[in-house]
Amino acid sequence: MLLLSGLKMIKDRKKLYLKLDKKTLIVYPYGSEKQSYIVPVERILYLTTKDFRKSTNNSIFTLVLTAENKPEVQWINEDWVQTLNKHEIKLDYLPVKKKDFPQFVEILEKSYALSYRKNG
C-alpha cells in the first residue's frame, strides 16, 4: 500500500484504488480508472469492516451512506453513468493491509472527518 500526501489516494502496483478530496471520494474498486464510484463525502455516515480476506491479508471495507439520495452517488463503467440508490458500497479490493489499517483509519478520521465503526 502506498499512502500519498496524507491519503489523497491509494495506489498499489500502478493501480489506483481511491482518491479523496474534501468533497468527493472516488473509489476504483478493481484498480481500473474505467470503473468508479463517485461518492460525495457528505453522504458517508461511516466506514466499517465487515469481513477480512485472509488470502491477501486485506480488510473488506463497507461505506455506509445516508438515506438521502442527494447529492447523488454515481457508478461509472467506461462511458456509462448510473445514479445509485444504495445505502452501502462494498470496497472489497482496497489494498489496505492489516498492519496499515490503524494509520488508514486515523488519517480518514483526522483529515476527512470520516468515522470508522468496527464490524458495522
PDB file of N, CA and C in Angstrom:
ATOM      1  N   MET A   1       0.850  -1.176   0.000  1.00  0.00           N
ATOM      2  CA  MET A   1       0.000   0.000   0.000  1.00  0.00           C
ATOM      3  C   MET A   1       0.886   1.227   0.000  1.00  0.00           C
ATOM      4  N   LEU A   2       0.473   2.220  -0.725  1.00  0.00           N
ATOM      5  CA  LEU A   2       1.206   3.472  -0.793  1.00  0.00           C
ATOM      6  C   LEU A   2       0.275   4.588  -0.375  1.00  0.00           C
ATOM      7  N   LEU A   3       0.614   5.273   0.698  1.00  0.00           N
ATOM      8  CA  LEU A   3      -0.173   6.418   1.138  1.00  0.00           C
ATOM      9  C   LEU A   3       0.499   7.672   0.614  1.00  0.00           C
ATOM     10  N   LEU A   4      -0.217   8.481  -0.128  1.00  0.00           N
ATOM     11  CA  LEU A   4       0.349   9.692  -0.701  1.00  0.00           C
ATOM     12  C   LEU A   4      -0.284  10.925  -0.094  1.00  0.00           C
ATOM     13  N   SER A   5       0.517  11.885   0.280  1.00  0.00           N
ATOM     14  CA  SER A   5       0.051  13.199   0.748  1.00  0.00           C
ATOM     15  C   SER A   5      -1.062  13.087   1.780  1.00  0.00           C
ATOM     16  N   GLY A   6      -0.837  12.341   2.829  1.00  0.00           N
ATOM     17  CA  GLY A   6      -1.856  12.218   3.867  1.00  0.00           C
ATOM     18  C   GLY A   6      -3.116  11.554   3.362  1.00  0.00           C
ATOM     19  N   LEU A   7      -2.973  10.570   2.515  1.00  0.00           N
ATOM     20  CA  LEU A   7      -4.089   9.785   1.982  1.00  0.00           C
ATOM     21  C   LEU A   7      -4.981  10.582   1.046  1.00  0.00           C
ATOM     22  N   LYS A   8      -4.400  11.150   0.028  1.00  0.00           N
ATOM     23  CA  LYS A   8      -5.206  11.738  -1.036  1.00  0.00           C
ATOM     24  C   LYS A   8      -5.519  10.674  -2.079  1.00  0.00           C
ATOM     25  N   MET A   9      -4.734   9.600  -2.067  1.00  0.00           N
ATOM     26  CA  MET A   9      -5.020   8.480  -2.962  1.00  0.00           C
ATOM     27  C   MET A   9      -4.351   7.223  -2.430  1.00  0.00           C
ATOM     28  N   ILE A  10      -4.864   6.083  -2.847  1.00  0.00           N
ATOM     29  CA  ILE A  10      -4.235   4.801  -2.545  1.00  0.00           C
ATOM     30  C   ILE A  10      -3.910   4.150  -3.877  1.00  0.00           C
ATOM     31  N   LYS A  11      -2.639   3.820  -4.039  1.00  0.00           N
ATOM     32  CA  LYS A  11      -2.191   3.123  -5.239  1.00  0.00           C
ATOM     33  C   LYS A  11      -1.427   1.886  -4.806  1.00  0.00           C
ATOM     34  N   ASP A  12      -1.448   0.877  -5.635  1.00  0.00           N
ATOM     35  CA  ASP A  12      -0.710  -0.341  -5.378  1.00  0.00           C
ATOM     36  C   ASP A  12      -0.310  -0.922  -6.728  1.00  0.00           C
ATOM     37  N   ARG A  13       0.971  -1.046  -6.962  1.00  0.00           N
ATOM     38  CA  ARG A  13       1.480  -1.582  -8.238  1.00  0.00           C
ATOM     39  C   ARG A  13       0.863  -0.893  -9.448  1.00  0.00           C
ATOM     40  N   LYS A  14       0.889   0.411  -9.417  1.00  0.00           N
ATOM     41  CA  LYS A  14       0.417   1.260 -10.514  1.00  0.00           C
ATOM     42  C   LYS A  14      -1.093   1.234 -10.723  1.00  0.00           C
ATOM     43  N   LYS A  15      -1.835   0.583  -9.849  1.00  0.00           N
ATOM     44  CA  LYS A  15      -3.294   0.613  -9.932  1.00  0.00           C
ATOM     45  C   LYS A  15      -3.804   1.621  -8.921  1.00  0.00           C
ATOM     46  N   LEU A  16      -4.731   2.443  -9.332  1.00  0.00           N
ATOM     47  CA  LEU A  16      -5.320   3.445  -8.460  1.00  0.00           C
ATOM     48  C   LEU A  16      -6.604   2.875  -7.868  1.00  0.00           C
ATOM     49  N   TYR A  17      -6.763   2.980  -6.554  1.00  0.00           N
ATOM     50  CA  TYR A  17      -7.937   2.426  -5.888  1.00  0.00           C
ATOM     51  C   TYR A  17      -8.837   3.472  -5.263  1.00  0.00           C
ATOM     52  N   LEU A  18      -8.274   4.591  -4.853  1.00  0.00           N
ATOM     53  CA  LEU A  18      -9.067   5.553  -4.117  1.00  0.00           C
ATOM     54  C   LEU A  18      -8.458   6.939  -4.279  1.00  0.00           C
ATOM     55  N   LYS A  19      -9.321   7.928  -4.484  1.00  0.00           N
ATOM     56  CA  LYS A  19      -8.922   9.339  -4.493  1.00  0.00           C
ATOM     57  C   LYS A  19      -9.863  10.064  -3.556  1.00  0.00           C
ATOM     58  N   LEU A  20      -9.326  10.990  -2.803  1.00  0.00           N
ATOM     59  CA  LEU A  20     -10.115  11.681  -1.806  1.00  0.00           C
ATOM     60  C   LEU A  20      -9.785  13.158  -1.837  1.00  0.00           C
ATOM     61  N   ASP A  21     -10.807  13.984  -1.790  1.00  0.00           N
ATOM     62  CA  ASP A  21     -10.599  15.399  -1.519  1.00  0.00           C
ATOM     63  C   ASP A  21     -11.644  15.792  -0.482  1.00  0.00           C
ATOM     64  N   LYS A  22     -11.776  17.058  -0.188  1.00  0.00           N
ATOM     65  CA  LYS A  22     -12.689  17.465   0.894  1.00  0.00           C
ATOM     66  C   LYS A  22     -14.162  17.230   0.564  1.00  0.00           C
ATOM     67  N   LYS A  23     -14.520  17.095  -0.718  1.00  0.00           N
ATOM     68  CA  LYS A  23     -15.931  16.963  -1.097  1.00  0.00           C
ATOM     69  C   LYS A  23     -16.304  15.624  -1.715  1.00  0.00           C
ATOM     70  N   THR A  24     -15.333  14.914  -2.272  1.00  0.00           N
ATOM     71  CA  THR A  24     -15.650  13.715  -3.047  1.00  0.00           C
ATOM     72  C   THR A  24     -14.676  12.583  -2.749  1.00  0.00           C
ATOM     73  N   LEU A  25     -15.228  11.387  -2.650  1.00  0.00           N
ATOM     74  CA  LEU A  25     -14.444  10.167  -2.571  1.00  0.00           C
ATOM     75  C   LEU A  25     -14.678   9.430  -3.882  1.00  0.00           C
ATOM     76  N   ILE A  26     -13.610   9.127  -4.589  1.00  0.00           N
ATOM     77  CA  ILE A  26     -13.713   8.357  -5.828  1.00  0.00           C
ATOM     78  C   ILE A  26     -13.053   7.015  -5.564  1.00  0.00           C
ATOM     79  N   VAL A  27     -13.815   5.950  -5.741  1.00  0.00           N
ATOM     80  CA  VAL A  27     -13.334   4.601  -5.484  1.00  0.00           C
ATOM     81  C   VAL A  27     -13.256   3.857  -6.806  1.00  0.00           C
ATOM     82  N   TYR A  28     -12.090   3.298  -7.076  1.00  0.00           N
ATOM     83  CA  TYR A  28     -11.884   2.443  -8.243  1.00  0.00           C
ATOM     84  C   TYR A  28     -11.802   1.019  -7.699  1.00  0.00           C
ATOM     85  N   PRO A  29     -12.925   0.296  -7.628  1.00  0.00           N
ATOM     86  CA  PRO A  29     -12.971  -0.958  -6.875  1.00  0.00           C
ATOM     87  C   PRO A  29     -12.033  -2.045  -7.379  1.00  0.00           C
ATOM     88  N   TYR A  30     -11.683  -2.023  -8.632  1.00  0.00           N
ATOM     89  CA  TYR A  30     -10.812  -3.071  -9.163  1.00  0.00           C
ATOM     90  C   TYR A  30      -9.470  -2.518  -9.615  1.00  0.00           C
ATOM     91  N   GLY A  31      -9.173  -1.274  -9.245  1.00  0.00           N
ATOM     92  CA  GLY A  31      -7.897  -0.678  -9.614  1.00  0.00           C
ATOM     93  C   GLY A  31      -7.862  -0.139 -11.025  1.00  0.00           C
ATOM     94  N   SER A  32      -8.991  -0.100 -11.696  1.00  0.00           N
ATOM     95  CA  SER A  32      -9.080   0.412 -13.060  1.00  0.00           C
ATOM     96  C   SER A  32      -9.822   1.737 -13.052  1.00  0.00           C
ATOM     97  N   GLU A  33      -9.261   2.733 -13.699  1.00  0.00           N
ATOM     98  CA  GLU A  33      -9.904   4.042 -13.747  1.00  0.00           C
ATOM     99  C   GLU A  33     -11.117   4.059 -14.677  1.00  0.00           C
ATOM    100  N   LYS A  34     -11.401   2.947 -15.338  1.00  0.00           N
ATOM    101  CA  LYS A  34     -12.576   2.859 -16.213  1.00  0.00           C
ATOM    102  C   LYS A  34     -13.852   2.587 -15.419  1.00  0.00           C
ATOM    103  N   GLN A  35     -13.702   2.076 -14.193  1.00  0.00           N
ATOM    104  CA  GLN A  35     -14.853   1.785 -13.341  1.00  0.00           C
ATOM    105  C   GLN A  35     -14.660   2.498 -12.012  1.00  0.00           C
ATOM    106  N   SER A  36     -15.677   3.270 -11.605  1.00  0.00           N
ATOM    107  CA  SER A  36     -15.518   4.008 -10.349  1.00  0.00           C
ATOM    108  C   SER A  36     -16.858   4.347  -9.710  1.00  0.00           C
ATOM    109  N   TYR A  37     -16.813   4.502  -8.394  1.00  0.00           N
ATOM    110  CA  TYR A  37     -17.910   5.073  -7.627  1.00  0.00           C
ATOM    111  C   TYR A  37     -17.523   6.512  -7.325  1.00  0.00           C
ATOM    112  N   ILE A  38     -18.428   7.444  -7.544  1.00  0.00           N
ATOM    113  CA  ILE A  38     -18.229   8.841  -7.183  1.00  0.00           C
ATOM    114  C   ILE A  38     -19.156   9.100  -5.993  1.00  0.00           C
ATOM    115  N   VAL A  39     -18.569   9.294  -4.816  1.00  0.00           N
ATOM    116  CA  VAL A  39     -19.349   9.409  -3.585  1.00  0.00           C
ATOM    117  C   VAL A  39     -19.097  10.771  -2.941  1.00  0.00           C
ATOM    118  N   PRO A  40     -20.120  11.620  -2.840  1.00  0.00           N
ATOM    119  CA  PRO A  40     -19.950  12.876  -2.106  1.00  0.00           C
ATOM    120  C   PRO A  40     -19.670  12.567  -0.626  1.00  0.00           C
ATOM    121  N   VAL A  41     -18.651  13.186  -0.068  1.00  0.00           N
ATOM    122  CA  VAL A  41     -18.257  12.911   1.315  1.00  0.00           C
ATOM    123  C   VAL A  41     -19.414  13.147   2.284  1.00  0.00           C
ATOM    124  N   GLU A  42     -20.268  14.126   2.009  1.00  0.00           N
ATOM    125  CA  GLU A  42     -21.386  14.413   2.917  1.00  0.00           C
ATOM    126  C   GLU A  42     -22.409  13.282   2.986  1.00  0.00           C
ATOM    127  N   ARG A  43     -22.390  12.355   2.027  1.00  0.00           N
ATOM    128  CA  ARG A  43     -23.294  11.202   2.053  1.00  0.00           C
ATOM    129  C   ARG A  43     -22.760  10.051   2.902  1.00  0.00           C
ATOM    130  N   ILE A  44     -21.496  10.106   3.291  1.00  0.00           N
ATOM    131  CA  ILE A  44     -20.887   8.995   4.019  1.00  0.00           C
ATOM    132  C   ILE A  44     -21.173   9.121   5.513  1.00  0.00           C
ATOM    133  N   LEU A  45     -21.874   8.133   6.062  1.00  0.00           N
ATOM    134  CA  LEU A  45     -22.102   8.095   7.508  1.00  0.00           C
ATOM    135  C   LEU A  45     -20.856   7.595   8.226  1.00  0.00           C
ATOM    136  N   TYR A  46     -20.367   6.437   7.781  1.00  0.00           N
ATOM    137  CA  TYR A  46     -19.157   5.882   8.381  1.00  0.00           C
ATOM    138  C   TYR A  46     -18.591   4.786   7.488  1.00  0.00           C
ATOM    139  N   LEU A  47     -17.389   4.376   7.827  1.00  0.00           N
ATOM    140  CA  LEU A  47     -16.689   3.289   7.164  1.00  0.00           C
ATOM    141  C   LEU A  47     -16.600   2.148   8.165  1.00  0.00           C
ATOM    142  N   THR A  48     -16.773   0.935   7.688  1.00  0.00           N
ATOM    143  CA  THR A  48     -16.681  -0.215   8.582  1.00  0.00           C
ATOM    144  C   THR A  48     -15.987  -1.367   7.859  1.00  0.00           C
ATOM    145  N   THR A  49     -15.560  -2.343   8.621  1.00  0.00           N
ATOM    146  CA  THR A  49     -15.063  -3.589   8.036  1.00  0.00           C
ATOM    147  C   THR A  49     -16.001  -4.686   8.497  1.00  0.00           C
ATOM    148  N   LYS A  50     -16.530  -5.406   7.550  1.00  0.00           N
ATOM    149  CA  LYS A  50     -17.463  -6.484   7.883  1.00  0.00           C
ATOM    150  C   LYS A  50     -16.840  -7.851   7.662  1.00  0.00           C
ATOM    151  N   ASP A  51     -15.686  -7.870   7.024  1.00  0.00           N
ATOM    152  CA  ASP A  51     -15.072  -9.141   6.678  1.00  0.00           C
ATOM    153  C   ASP A  51     -13.584  -8.921   6.475  1.00  0.00           C
ATOM    154  N   PHE A  52     -12.842 -10.003   6.373  1.00  0.00           N
ATOM    155  CA  PHE A  52     -11.398  -9.939   6.172  1.00  0.00           C
ATOM    156  C   PHE A  52     -11.012 -11.025   5.184  1.00  0.00           C
ATOM    157  N   ARG A  53     -10.241 -10.673   4.185  1.00  0.00           N
ATOM    158  CA  ARG A  53      -9.792 -11.638   3.181  1.00  0.00           C
ATOM    159  C   ARG A  53      -8.426 -12.169   3.615  1.00  0.00           C
ATOM    160  N   LYS A  54      -8.396 -13.387   4.126  1.00  0.00           N
ATOM    161  CA  LYS A  54      -7.151 -13.954   4.644  1.00  0.00           C
ATOM    162  C   LYS A  54      -6.119 -14.181   3.551  1.00  0.00           C
ATOM    163  N   SER A  55      -6.551 -14.520   2.360  1.00  0.00           N
ATOM    164  CA  SER A  55      -5.608 -14.840   1.288  1.00  0.00           C
ATOM    165  C   SER A  55      -4.720 -13.661   0.914  1.00  0.00           C
ATOM    166  N   THR A  56      -5.241 -12.447   1.023  1.00  0.00           N
ATOM    167  CA  THR A  56      -4.446 -11.262   0.675  1.00  0.00           C
ATOM    168  C   THR A  56      -4.134 -10.402   1.891  1.00  0.00           C
ATOM    169  N   ASN A  57      -4.619 -10.799   3.071  1.00  0.00           N
ATOM    170  CA  ASN A  57      -4.411 -10.046   4.307  1.00  0.00           C
ATOM    171  C   ASN A  57      -5.029  -8.653   4.223  1.00  0.00           C
ATOM    172  N   ASN A  58      -6.124  -8.517   3.489  1.00  0.00           N
ATOM    173  CA  ASN A  58      -6.800  -7.229   3.325  1.00  0.00           C
ATOM    174  C   ASN A  58      -8.151  -7.233   4.021  1.00  0.00           C
ATOM    175  N   SER A  59      -8.501  -6.085   4.574  1.00  0.00           N
ATOM    176  CA  SER A  59      -9.840  -5.903   5.120  1.00  0.00           C
ATOM    177  C   SER A  59     -10.806  -5.609   3.984  1.00  0.00           C
ATOM    178  N   ILE A  60     -12.050  -6.030   4.145  1.00  0.00           N
ATOM    179  CA  ILE A  60     -13.094  -5.681   3.190  1.00  0.00           C
ATOM    180  C   ILE A  60     -13.899  -4.561   3.826  1.00  0.00           C
ATOM    181  N   PHE A  61     -13.792  -3.377   3.256  1.00  0.00           N
ATOM    182  CA  PHE A  61     -14.441  -2.196   3.797  1.00  0.00           C
ATOM    183  C   PHE A  61     -15.836  -2.032   3.218  1.00  0.00           C
ATOM    184  N   THR A  62     -16.698  -1.384   3.976  1.00  0.00           N
ATOM    185  CA  THR A  62     -18.020  -1.004   3.506  1.00  0.00           C
ATOM    186  C   THR A  62     -18.248   0.449   3.880  1.00  0.00           C
ATOM    187  N   LEU A  63     -18.639   1.250   2.895  1.00  0.00           N
ATOM    188  CA  LEU A  63     -19.052   2.626   3.150  1.00  0.00           C
ATOM    189  C   LEU A  63     -20.542   2.604   3.421  1.00  0.00           C
ATOM    190  N   VAL A  64     -20.963   3.098   4.557  1.00  0.00           N
ATOM    191  CA  VAL A  64     -22.381   3.181   4.886  1.00  0.00           C
ATOM    192  C   VAL A  64     -22.807   4.616   4.624  1.00  0.00           C
ATOM    193  N   LEU A  65     -23.845   4.770   3.787  1.00  0.00           N
ATOM    194  CA  LEU A  65     -24.266   6.091   3.322  1.00  0.00           C
ATOM    195  C   LEU A  65     -25.555   6.539   3.999  1.00  0.00           C
ATOM    196  N   THR A  66     -25.819   7.834   3.932  1.00  0.00           N
ATOM    197  CA  THR A  66     -27.064   8.385   4.465  1.00  0.00           C
ATOM    198  C   THR A  66     -28.240   7.922   3.614  1.00  0.00           C
ATOM    199  N   ALA A  67     -29.426   8.024   4.157  1.00  0.00           N
ATOM    200  CA  ALA A  67     -30.628   7.590   3.445  1.00  0.00           C
ATOM    201  C   ALA A  67     -31.041   8.571   2.353  1.00  0.00           C
ATOM    202  N   GLU A  68     -30.615   9.825   2.461  1.00  0.00           N
ATOM    203  CA  GLU A  68     -30.977  10.805   1.431  1.00  0.00           C
ATOM    204  C   GLU A  68     -30.359  10.403   0.092  1.00  0.00           C
ATOM    205  N   ASN A  69     -30.999  10.786  -0.974  1.00  0.00           N
ATOM    206  CA  ASN A  69     -30.471  10.481  -2.301  1.00  0.00           C
ATOM    207  C   ASN A  69     -29.774  11.673  -2.942  1.00  0.00           C
ATOM    208  N   LYS A  70     -29.626  12.758  -2.215  1.00  0.00           N
ATOM    209  CA  LYS A  70     -28.925  13.940  -2.725  1.00  0.00           C
ATOM    210  C   LYS A  70     -27.812  14.291  -1.766  1.00  0.00           C
ATOM    211  N   PRO A  71     -26.654  14.677  -2.216  1.00  0.00           N
ATOM    212  CA  PRO A  71     -26.190  14.604  -3.588  1.00  0.00           C
ATOM    213  C   PRO A  71     -26.047  13.147  -4.037  1.00  0.00           C
ATOM    214  N   GLU A  72     -26.094  12.958  -5.318  1.00  0.00           N
ATOM    215  CA  GLU A  72     -26.148  11.621  -5.897  1.00  0.00           C
ATOM    216  C   GLU A  72     -24.811  10.886  -5.836  1.00  0.00           C
ATOM    217  N   VAL A  73     -24.910   9.573  -5.653  1.00  0.00           N
ATOM    218  CA  VAL A  73     -23.767   8.682  -5.767  1.00  0.00           C
ATOM    219  C   VAL A  73     -23.843   8.073  -7.158  1.00  0.00           C
ATOM    220  N   GLN A  74     -22.717   8.050  -7.855  1.00  0.00           N
ATOM    221  CA  GLN A  74     -22.730   7.531  -9.225  1.00  0.00           C
ATOM    222  C   GLN A  74     -21.767   6.367  -9.384  1.00  0.00           C
ATOM    223  N   TRP A  75     -22.158   5.452 -10.264  1.00  0.00           N
ATOM    224  CA  TRP A  75     -21.303   4.357 -10.704  1.00  0.00           C
ATOM    225  C   TRP A  75     -20.966   4.636 -12.158  1.00  0.00           C
ATOM    226  N   ILE A  76     -19.686   4.635 -12.478  1.00  0.00           N
ATOM    227  CA  ILE A  76     -19.245   4.872 -13.849  1.00  0.00           C
ATOM    228  C   ILE A  76     -18.525   3.621 -14.330  1.00  0.00           C
ATOM    229  N   ASN A  77     -18.968   3.105 -15.473  1.00  0.00           N
ATOM    230  CA  ASN A  77     -18.348   1.947 -16.098  1.00  0.00           C
ATOM    231  C   ASN A  77     -18.106   2.307 -17.556  1.00  0.00           C
ATOM    232  N   GLU A  78     -16.824   2.550 -17.873  1.00  0.00           N
ATOM    233  CA  GLU A  78     -16.456   3.060 -19.198  1.00  0.00           C
ATOM    234  C   GLU A  78     -17.175   4.387 -19.424  1.00  0.00           C
ATOM    235  N   ASP A  79     -18.080   4.460 -20.390  1.00  0.00           N
ATOM    236  CA  ASP A  79     -18.806   5.698 -20.684  1.00  0.00           C
ATOM    237  C   ASP A  79     -20.224   5.695 -20.114  1.00  0.00           C
ATOM    238  N   TRP A  80     -20.578   4.644 -19.426  1.00  0.00           N
ATOM    239  CA  TRP A  80     -21.927   4.502 -18.890  1.00  0.00           C
ATOM    240  C   TRP A  80     -21.960   5.027 -17.461  1.00  0.00           C
ATOM    241  N   VAL A  81     -22.897   5.928 -17.161  1.00  0.00           N
ATOM    242  CA  VAL A  81     -23.030   6.530 -15.829  1.00  0.00           C
ATOM    243  C   VAL A  81     -24.399   6.167 -15.263  1.00  0.00           C
ATOM    244  N   GLN A  82     -24.407   5.658 -14.035  1.00  0.00           N
ATOM    245  CA  GLN A  82     -25.649   5.272 -13.378  1.00  0.00           C
ATOM    246  C   GLN A  82     -25.711   5.937 -12.002  1.00  0.00           C
ATOM    247  N   THR A  83     -26.854   6.532 -11.684  1.00  0.00           N
ATOM    248  CA  THR A  83     -27.085   7.082 -10.352  1.00  0.00           C
ATOM    249  C   THR A  83     -27.559   5.949  -9.454  1.00  0.00           C
ATOM    250  N   LEU A  84     -26.930   5.819  -8.286  1.00  0.00           N
ATOM    251  CA  LEU A  84     -27.231   4.708  -7.387  1.00  0.00           C
ATOM    252  C   LEU A  84     -28.132   5.136  -6.240  1.00  0.00           C
ATOM    253  N   ASN A  85     -28.987   4.230  -5.818  1.00  0.00           N
ATOM    254  CA  ASN A  85     -29.835   4.453  -4.654  1.00  0.00           C
ATOM    255  C   ASN A  85     -29.362   3.618  -3.471  1.00  0.00           C
ATOM    256  N   LYS A  86     -28.131   3.146  -3.529  1.00  0.00           N
ATOM    257  CA  LYS A  86     -27.584   2.280  -2.491  1.00  0.00           C
ATOM    258  C   LYS A  86     -27.354   3.039  -1.192  1.00  0.00           C
ATOM    259  N   HIS A  87     -27.353   2.285  -0.107  1.00  0.00           N
ATOM    260  CA  HIS A  87     -27.008   2.851   1.194  1.00  0.00           C
ATOM    261  C   HIS A  87     -25.721   2.245   1.728  1.00  0.00           C
ATOM    262  N   GLU A  88     -25.155   1.310   0.964  1.00  0.00           N
ATOM    263  CA  GLU A  88     -23.854   0.724   1.290  1.00  0.00           C
ATOM    264  C   GLU A  88     -23.088   0.495   0.002  1.00  0.00           C
ATOM    265  N   ILE A  89     -21.791   0.702   0.076  1.00  0.00           N
ATOM    266  CA  ILE A  89     -20.915   0.382  -1.046  1.00  0.00           C
ATOM    267  C   ILE A  89     -19.791  -0.477  -0.489  1.00  0.00           C
ATOM    268  N   LYS A  90     -19.683  -1.695  -1.011  1.00  0.00           N
ATOM    269  CA  LYS A  90     -18.653  -2.624  -0.558  1.00  0.00           C
ATOM    270  C   LYS A  90     -17.356  -2.331  -1.304  1.00  0.00           C
ATOM    271  N   LEU A  91     -16.289  -2.160  -0.554  1.00  0.00           N
ATOM    272  CA  LEU A  91     -14.980  -1.860  -1.131  1.00  0.00           C
ATOM    273  C   LEU A  91     -14.067  -3.046  -0.860  1.00  0.00           C
ATOM    274  N   ASP A  92     -14.298  -4.129  -1.566  1.00  0.00           N
ATOM    275  CA  ASP A  92     -13.600  -5.364  -1.225  1.00  0.00           C
ATOM    276  C   ASP A  92     -12.226  -5.522  -1.852  1.00  0.00           C
ATOM    277  N   TYR A  93     -11.769  -4.545  -2.632  1.00  0.00           N
ATOM    278  CA  TYR A  93     -10.455  -4.691  -3.238  1.00  0.00           C
ATOM    279  C   TYR A  93      -9.485  -3.576  -2.877  1.00  0.00           C
ATOM    280  N   LEU A  94      -9.784  -2.783  -1.840  1.00  0.00           N
ATOM    281  CA  LEU A  94      -8.823  -1.766  -1.410  1.00  0.00           C
ATOM    282  C   LEU A  94      -7.615  -2.467  -0.796  1.00  0.00           C
ATOM    283  N   PRO A  95      -6.417  -2.134  -1.238  1.00  0.00           N
ATOM    284  CA  PRO A  95      -5.230  -2.846  -0.748  1.00  0.00           C
ATOM    285  C   PRO A  95      -4.701  -2.281   0.567  1.00  0.00           C
ATOM    286  N   VAL A  96      -5.492  -2.347   1.623  1.00  0.00           N
ATOM    287  CA  VAL A  96      -5.054  -1.871   2.934  1.00  0.00           C
ATOM    288  C   VAL A  96      -4.745  -3.104   3.786  1.00  0.00           C
ATOM    289  N   LYS A  97      -3.488  -3.305   4.058  1.00  0.00           N
ATOM    290  CA  LYS A  97      -3.056  -4.464   4.842  1.00  0.00           C
ATOM    291  C   LYS A  97      -3.395  -4.271   6.316  1.00  0.00           C
ATOM    292  N   LYS A  98      -3.468  -5.365   7.025  1.00  0.00           N
ATOM    293  CA  LYS A  98      -3.832  -5.329   8.439  1.00  0.00           C
ATOM    294  C   LYS A  98      -2.901  -4.418   9.243  1.00  0.00           C
ATOM    295  N   LYS A  99      -1.605  -4.460   8.953  1.00  0.00           N
ATOM    296  CA  LYS A  99      -0.645  -3.650   9.703  1.00  0.00           C
ATOM    297  C   LYS A  99      -0.803  -2.155   9.418  1.00  0.00           C
ATOM    298  N   ASP A 100      -1.330  -1.783   8.254  1.00  0.00           N
ATOM    299  CA  ASP A 100      -1.520  -0.380   7.887  1.00  0.00           C
ATOM    300  C   ASP A 100      -2.888   0.157   8.285  1.00  0.00           C
ATOM    301  N   PHE A 101      -3.758  -0.719   8.738  1.00  0.00           N
ATOM    302  CA  PHE A 101      -5.139  -0.333   8.995  1.00  0.00           C
ATOM    303  C   PHE A 101      -5.295   0.798  10.020  1.00  0.00           C
ATOM    304  N   PRO A 102      -4.619   0.751  11.183  1.00  0.00           N
ATOM    305  CA  PRO A 102      -4.782   1.855  12.145  1.00  0.00           C
ATOM    306  C   PRO A 102      -4.401   3.218  11.561  1.00  0.00           C
ATOM    307  N   GLN A 103      -3.331   3.265  10.778  1.00  0.00           N
ATOM    308  CA  GLN A 103      -2.916   4.525  10.152  1.00  0.00           C
ATOM    309  C   GLN A 103      -3.955   4.986   9.135  1.00  0.00           C
ATOM    310  N   PHE A 104      -4.497   4.068   8.363  1.00  0.00           N
ATOM    311  CA  PHE A 104      -5.517   4.383   7.369  1.00  0.00           C
ATOM    312  C   PHE A 104      -6.741   5.013   8.033  1.00  0.00           C
ATOM    313  N   VAL A 105      -7.232   4.400   9.097  1.00  0.00           N
ATOM    314  CA  VAL A 105      -8.412   4.902   9.806  1.00  0.00           C
ATOM    315  C   VAL A 105      -8.121   6.253  10.456  1.00  0.00           C
ATOM    316  N   GLU A 106      -6.949   6.394  11.053  1.00  0.00           N
ATOM    317  CA  GLU A 106      -6.582   7.653  11.710  1.00  0.00           C
ATOM    318  C   GLU A 106      -6.567   8.818  10.721  1.00  0.00           C
ATOM    319  N   ILE A 107      -6.016   8.597   9.543  1.00  0.00           N
ATOM    320  CA  ILE A 107      -5.973   9.658   8.526  1.00  0.00           C
ATOM    321  C   ILE A 107      -7.379  10.007   8.058  1.00  0.00           C
ATOM    322  N   LEU A 108      -8.217   9.007   7.836  1.00  0.00           N
ATOM    323  CA  LEU A 108      -9.595   9.276   7.417  1.00  0.00           C
ATOM    324  C   LEU A 108     -10.345  10.091   8.464  1.00  0.00           C
ATOM    325  N   GLU A 109     -10.163   9.739   9.722  1.00  0.00           N
ATOM    326  CA  GLU A 109     -10.880  10.440  10.789  1.00  0.00           C
ATOM    327  C   GLU A 109     -10.367  11.859  10.998  1.00  0.00           C
ATOM    328  N   LYS A 110      -9.046  12.041  11.020  1.00  0.00           N
ATOM    329  CA  LYS A 110      -8.483  13.371  11.286  1.00  0.00           C
ATOM    330  C   LYS A 110      -8.574  14.304  10.090  1.00  0.00           C
ATOM    331  N   SER A 111      -8.222  13.821   8.929  1.00  0.00           N
ATOM    332  CA  SER A 111      -8.147  14.693   7.753  1.00  0.00           C
ATOM    333  C   SER A 111      -9.484  14.901   7.058  1.00  0.00           C
ATOM    334  N   TYR A 112     -10.354  13.910   7.119  1.00  0.00           N
ATOM    335  CA  TYR A 112     -11.583  13.978   6.334  1.00  0.00           C
ATOM    336  C   TYR A 112     -12.851  13.844   7.168  1.00  0.00           C
ATOM    337  N   ALA A 113     -12.729  13.729   8.472  1.00  0.00           N
ATOM    338  CA  ALA A 113     -13.873  13.601   9.383  1.00  0.00           C
ATOM    339  C   ALA A 113     -14.777  12.422   9.009  1.00  0.00           C
ATOM    340  N   LEU A 114     -14.188  11.371   8.461  1.00  0.00           N
ATOM    341  CA  LEU A 114     -14.932  10.143   8.174  1.00  0.00           C
ATOM    342  C   LEU A 114     -14.730   9.203   9.350  1.00  0.00           C
ATOM    343  N   SER A 115     -15.797   8.763   9.959  1.00  0.00           N
ATOM    344  CA  SER A 115     -15.654   7.915  11.132  1.00  0.00           C
ATOM    345  C   SER A 115     -15.616   6.443  10.748  1.00  0.00           C
ATOM    346  N   TYR A 116     -14.984   5.676  11.609  1.00  0.00           N
ATOM    347  CA  TYR A 116     -14.876   4.236  11.437  1.00  0.00           C
ATOM    348  C   TYR A 116     -15.619   3.556  12.578  1.00  0.00           C
ATOM    349  N   ARG A 117     -16.416   2.559  12.257  1.00  0.00           N
ATOM    350  CA  ARG A 117     -17.095   1.750  13.267  1.00  0.00           C
ATOM    351  C   ARG A 117     -16.702   0.304  13.054  1.00  0.00           C
ATOM    352  N   LYS A 118     -16.247  -0.317  14.100  1.00  0.00           N
ATOM    353  CA  LYS A 118     -15.799  -1.696  14.000  1.00  0.00           C
ATOM    354  C   LYS A 118     -16.984  -2.635  13.778  1.00  0.00           C
ATOM    355  N   ASN A 119     -16.842  -3.510  12.795  1.00  0.00           N
ATOM    356  CA  ASN A 119     -17.822  -4.569  12.489  1.00  0.00           C
ATOM    357  C   ASN A 119     -19.248  -4.083  12.327  1.00  0.00           C
ATOM    358  N   GLY A 120     -19.401  -2.984  11.586  1.00  0.00           N
ATOM    359  CA  GLY A 120     -20.672  -2.424  11.159  1.00  0.00           C
ATOM    360  C   GLY A 120     -21.824  -2.784  11.985  1.00  0.00           C
TER     361      GLY A 120
END
